[in-house]
Amino acid sequence: MMVKPTIQFIQGTDEQTIPDVRLTKSKDGTNGVAIFTFDQPSVFDSSGEVGEITGFYMIDEEGILQSVDVSAKFINGKPSQIEARYVMRSPREWDRFMRFMERYSNENGLKFIKK
């Protein structure tokens, strides 16, 4: 069954804002971290109606990857940005994350830029 790859902060509510994603990986390749930055995420528009942010969920045809490492940044008392971190502790978790990102990128027109 094909499931559209999506990101959610509130289960059942897709995030419409496309994030900036930064990846780091250890030299030996055993672990890594993905940092997602969402400027003016749509969840701020709907969180009052559908509930509070409960975590960071990456959903695709293989299932759900999730993290609770989510923080909001405020400017003049108003939420402006969300940063979510997803930690991968094994080559298997890294590979699974990269499969999600490939699907999500293809769906949303993201490009990989190596720095």
C-alpha atoms as a PDB file:
ATOM      1  CA  MET A   1       0.000   0.000   0.000  1.00  0.00           C
ATOM      2  CA  MET A   2       1.404   3.383  -1.019  1.00  0.00           C
ATOM      3  CA  VAL A   3       1.287   6.025   1.696  1.00  0.00           C
ATOM      4  CA  LYS A   4       2.200   9.610   0.860  1.00  0.00           C
ATOM      5  CA  PRO A   5       5.327  10.452   2.885  1.00  0.00           C
ATOM      6  CA  THR A   6       4.467  13.175   5.364  1.00  0.00           C
ATOM      7  CA  ILE A   7       5.598  14.881   8.557  1.00  0.00           C
ATOM      8  CA  GLN A   8       3.289  15.547  11.491  1.00  0.00           C
ATOM      9  CA  PHE A   9       3.627  17.266  14.873  1.00  0.00           C
ATOM     10  CA  ILE A  10       0.053  16.411  15.870  1.00  0.00           C
ATOM     11  CA  GLN A  11      -0.941  12.897  14.850  1.00  0.00           C
ATOM     12  CA  GLY A  12      -3.438  13.021  12.012  1.00  0.00           C
ATOM     13  CA  THR A  13      -2.504  16.590  10.938  1.00  0.00           C
ATOM     14  CA  ASP A  14       0.058  16.832   8.112  1.00  0.00           C
ATOM     15  CA  GLU A  15       2.601  19.648   8.314  1.00  0.00           C
ATOM     16  CA  GLN A  16       2.384  21.724   5.127  1.00  0.00           C
ATOM     17  CA  THR A  17       5.639  23.689   5.574  1.00  0.00           C
ATOM     18  CA  ILE A  18       8.667  22.106   3.914  1.00  0.00           C
ATOM     19  CA  PRO A  19      11.641  22.039   6.315  1.00  0.00           C
ATOM     20  CA  ASP A  20      15.306  22.780   5.950  1.00  0.00           C
ATOM     21  CA  VAL A  21      17.068  19.528   6.896  1.00  0.00           C
ATOM     22  CA  ARG A  22      20.663  19.223   8.112  1.00  0.00           C
ATOM     23  CA  LEU A  23      22.338  15.847   8.525  1.00  0.00           C
ATOM     24  CA  THR A  24      25.403  14.830  10.478  1.00  0.00           C
ATOM     25  CA  LYS A  25      26.920  11.365  10.565  1.00  0.00           C
ATOM     26  CA  SER A  26      29.760   9.947  12.637  1.00  0.00           C
ATOM     27  CA  LYS A  27      32.992   9.113  10.802  1.00  0.00           C
ATOM     28  CA  ASP A  28      32.468   5.408  11.391  1.00  0.00           C
ATOM     29  CA  GLY A  29      28.882   5.629  10.095  1.00  0.00           C
ATOM     30  CA  THR A  30      27.313   4.061  13.173  1.00  0.00           C
ATOM     31  CA  ASN A  31      25.124   7.019  14.160  1.00  0.00           C
ATOM     32  CA  GLY A  32      23.858  10.370  13.008  1.00  0.00           C
ATOM     33  CA  VAL A  33      21.456  13.235  13.637  1.00  0.00           C
ATOM     34  CA  ALA A  34      18.919  14.933  11.392  1.00  0.00           C
ATOM     35  CA  ILE A  35      17.850  18.457  12.343  1.00  0.00           C
ATOM     36  CA  PHE A  36      14.644  19.735  10.754  1.00  0.00           C
ATOM     37  CA  THR A  37      13.926  23.471  10.832  1.00  0.00           C
ATOM     38  CA  PHE A  38      10.431  24.669   9.946  1.00  0.00           C
ATOM     39  CA  ASP A  39       9.959  28.427   9.433  1.00  0.00           C
ATOM     40  CA  GLN A  40       6.364  29.511  10.136  1.00  0.00           C
ATOM     41  CA  PRO A  41       5.048  25.921  10.261  1.00  0.00           C
ATOM     42  CA  SER A  42       1.384  25.382   9.525  1.00  0.00           C
ATOM     43  CA  VAL A  43       0.934  23.501  12.823  1.00  0.00           C
ATOM     44  CA  PHE A  44       0.907  26.894  14.583  1.00  0.00           C
ATOM     45  CA  ASP A  45      -2.208  27.802  12.590  1.00  0.00           C
ATOM     46  CA  SER A  46      -4.134  24.687  13.566  1.00  0.00           C
ATOM     47  CA  SER A  47      -2.753  23.637  16.964  1.00  0.00           C
ATOM     48  CA  GLY A  48      -5.498  25.492  18.832  1.00  0.00           C
ATOM     49  CA  GLU A  49      -8.179  23.595  16.906  1.00  0.00           C
ATOM     50  CA  VAL A  50      -6.719  20.082  16.818  1.00  0.00           C
ATOM     51  CA  GLY A  51      -4.567  19.910  19.952  1.00  0.00           C
ATOM     52  CA  GLU A  52      -1.020  20.375  21.154  1.00  0.00           C
ATOM     53  CA  ILE A  53       2.207  19.283  19.495  1.00  0.00           C
ATOM     54  CA  THR A  54       2.872  15.753  20.744  1.00  0.00           C
ATOM     55  CA  GLY A  55       6.135  14.947  18.935  1.00  0.00           C
ATOM     56  CA  PHE A  56       7.726  14.693  15.521  1.00  0.00           C
ATOM     57  CA  TYR A  57       6.387  11.958  13.237  1.00  0.00           C
ATOM     58  CA  MET A  58       7.766  10.975   9.822  1.00  0.00           C
ATOM     59  CA  ILE A  59       5.243   8.698   8.130  1.00  0.00           C
ATOM     60  CA  ASP A  60       5.634   6.646   4.969  1.00  0.00           C
ATOM     61  CA  GLU A  61       4.763   3.242   3.545  1.00  0.00           C
ATOM     62  CA  GLU A  62       7.208   1.503   5.916  1.00  0.00           C
ATOM     63  CA  GLY A  63       5.666   2.982   9.047  1.00  0.00           C
ATOM     64  CA  ILE A  64       6.466   5.816  11.447  1.00  0.00           C
ATOM     65  CA  LEU A  65       9.772   7.274  12.600  1.00  0.00           C
ATOM     66  CA  GLN A  66       9.308   9.490  15.638  1.00  0.00           C
ATOM     67  CA  SER A  67      11.074  11.764  18.073  1.00  0.00           C
ATOM     68  CA  VAL A  68      10.042  13.867  21.049  1.00  0.00           C
ATOM     69  CA  ASP A  69      13.024  16.236  20.633  1.00  0.00           C
ATOM     70  CA  VAL A  70      10.973  19.200  19.380  1.00  0.00           C
ATOM     71  CA  SER A  71      11.428  22.853  20.326  1.00  0.00           C
ATOM     72  CA  ALA A  72       9.694  26.066  19.273  1.00  0.00           C
ATOM     73  CA  LYS A  73      11.344  29.446  18.819  1.00  0.00           C
ATOM     74  CA  PHE A  74       9.430  32.624  19.564  1.00  0.00           C
ATOM     75  CA  ILE A  75       9.820  36.180  18.285  1.00  0.00           C
ATOM     76  CA  ASN A  76       8.002  38.918  20.232  1.00  0.00           C
ATOM     77  CA  GLY A  77       5.996  36.254  22.073  1.00  0.00           C
ATOM     78  CA  LYS A  78       4.708  34.612  18.885  1.00  0.00           C
ATOM     79  CA  PRO A  79       5.847  31.185  17.666  1.00  0.00           C
ATOM     80  CA  SER A  80       7.934  31.490  14.506  1.00  0.00           C
ATOM     81  CA  GLN A  81       9.925  28.299  14.094  1.00  0.00           C
ATOM     82  CA  ILE A  82      10.065  24.642  15.093  1.00  0.00           C
ATOM     83  CA  GLU A  83      13.250  22.618  15.303  1.00  0.00           C
ATOM     84  CA  ALA A  84      13.001  18.841  15.520  1.00  0.00           C
ATOM     85  CA  ARG A  85      15.909  16.436  15.989  1.00  0.00           C
ATOM     86  CA  TYR A  86      15.907  12.804  14.981  1.00  0.00           C
ATOM     87  CA  VAL A  87      18.800  10.676  16.268  1.00  0.00           C
ATOM     88  CA  MET A  88      19.902   7.530  14.443  1.00  0.00           C
ATOM     89  CA  ARG A  89      21.909   5.123  16.583  1.00  0.00           C
ATOM     90  CA  SER A  90      22.753   2.402  14.057  1.00  0.00           C
ATOM     91  CA  PRO A  91      23.449   1.967  10.334  1.00  0.00           C
ATOM     92  CA  ARG A  92      20.034   0.266  10.059  1.00  0.00           C
ATOM     93  CA  GLU A  93      18.250   3.332  11.542  1.00  0.00           C
ATOM     94  CA  TRP A  94      20.292   5.606   9.214  1.00  0.00           C
ATOM     95  CA  ASP A  95      19.271   3.565   6.163  1.00  0.00           C
ATOM     96  CA  ARG A  96      15.605   3.604   7.204  1.00  0.00           C
ATOM     97  CA  PHE A  97      15.715   7.378   7.691  1.00  0.00           C
ATOM     98  CA  MET A  98      17.350   7.876   4.285  1.00  0.00           C
ATOM     99  CA  ARG A  99      14.583   5.816   2.616  1.00  0.00           C
ATOM    100  CA  PHE A 100      11.992   8.092   4.238  1.00  0.00           C
ATOM    101  CA  MET A 101      13.904  11.215   3.165  1.00  0.00           C
ATOM    102  CA  GLU A 102      14.184   9.980  -0.418  1.00  0.00           C
ATOM    103  CA  ARG A 103      10.416   9.464  -0.585  1.00  0.00           C
ATOM    104  CA  TYR A 104       9.666  12.760   1.196  1.00  0.00           C
ATOM    105  CA  SER A 105      12.123  14.664  -1.018  1.00  0.00           C
ATOM    106  CA  ASN A 106      10.648  13.233  -4.207  1.00  0.00           C
ATOM    107  CA  GLU A 107       7.125  14.124  -3.055  1.00  0.00           C
ATOM    108  CA  ASN A 108       8.058  17.694  -2.052  1.00  0.00           C
ATOM    109  CA  GLY A 109      10.809  18.674  -4.507  1.00  0.00           C
ATOM    110  CA  LEU A 110      13.662  18.833  -1.993  1.00  0.00           C
ATOM    111  CA  LYS A 111      17.276  18.761  -3.197  1.00  0.00           C
ATOM    112  CA  PHE A 112      20.379  17.488  -1.404  1.00  0.00           C
ATOM    113  CA  ILE A 113      23.250  19.975  -1.145  1.00  0.00           C
ATOM    114  CA  LYS A 114      26.513  18.690   0.278  1.00  0.00           C
ATOM    115  CA  LYS A 115      28.521  21.273   2.221  1.00  0.00           C
END
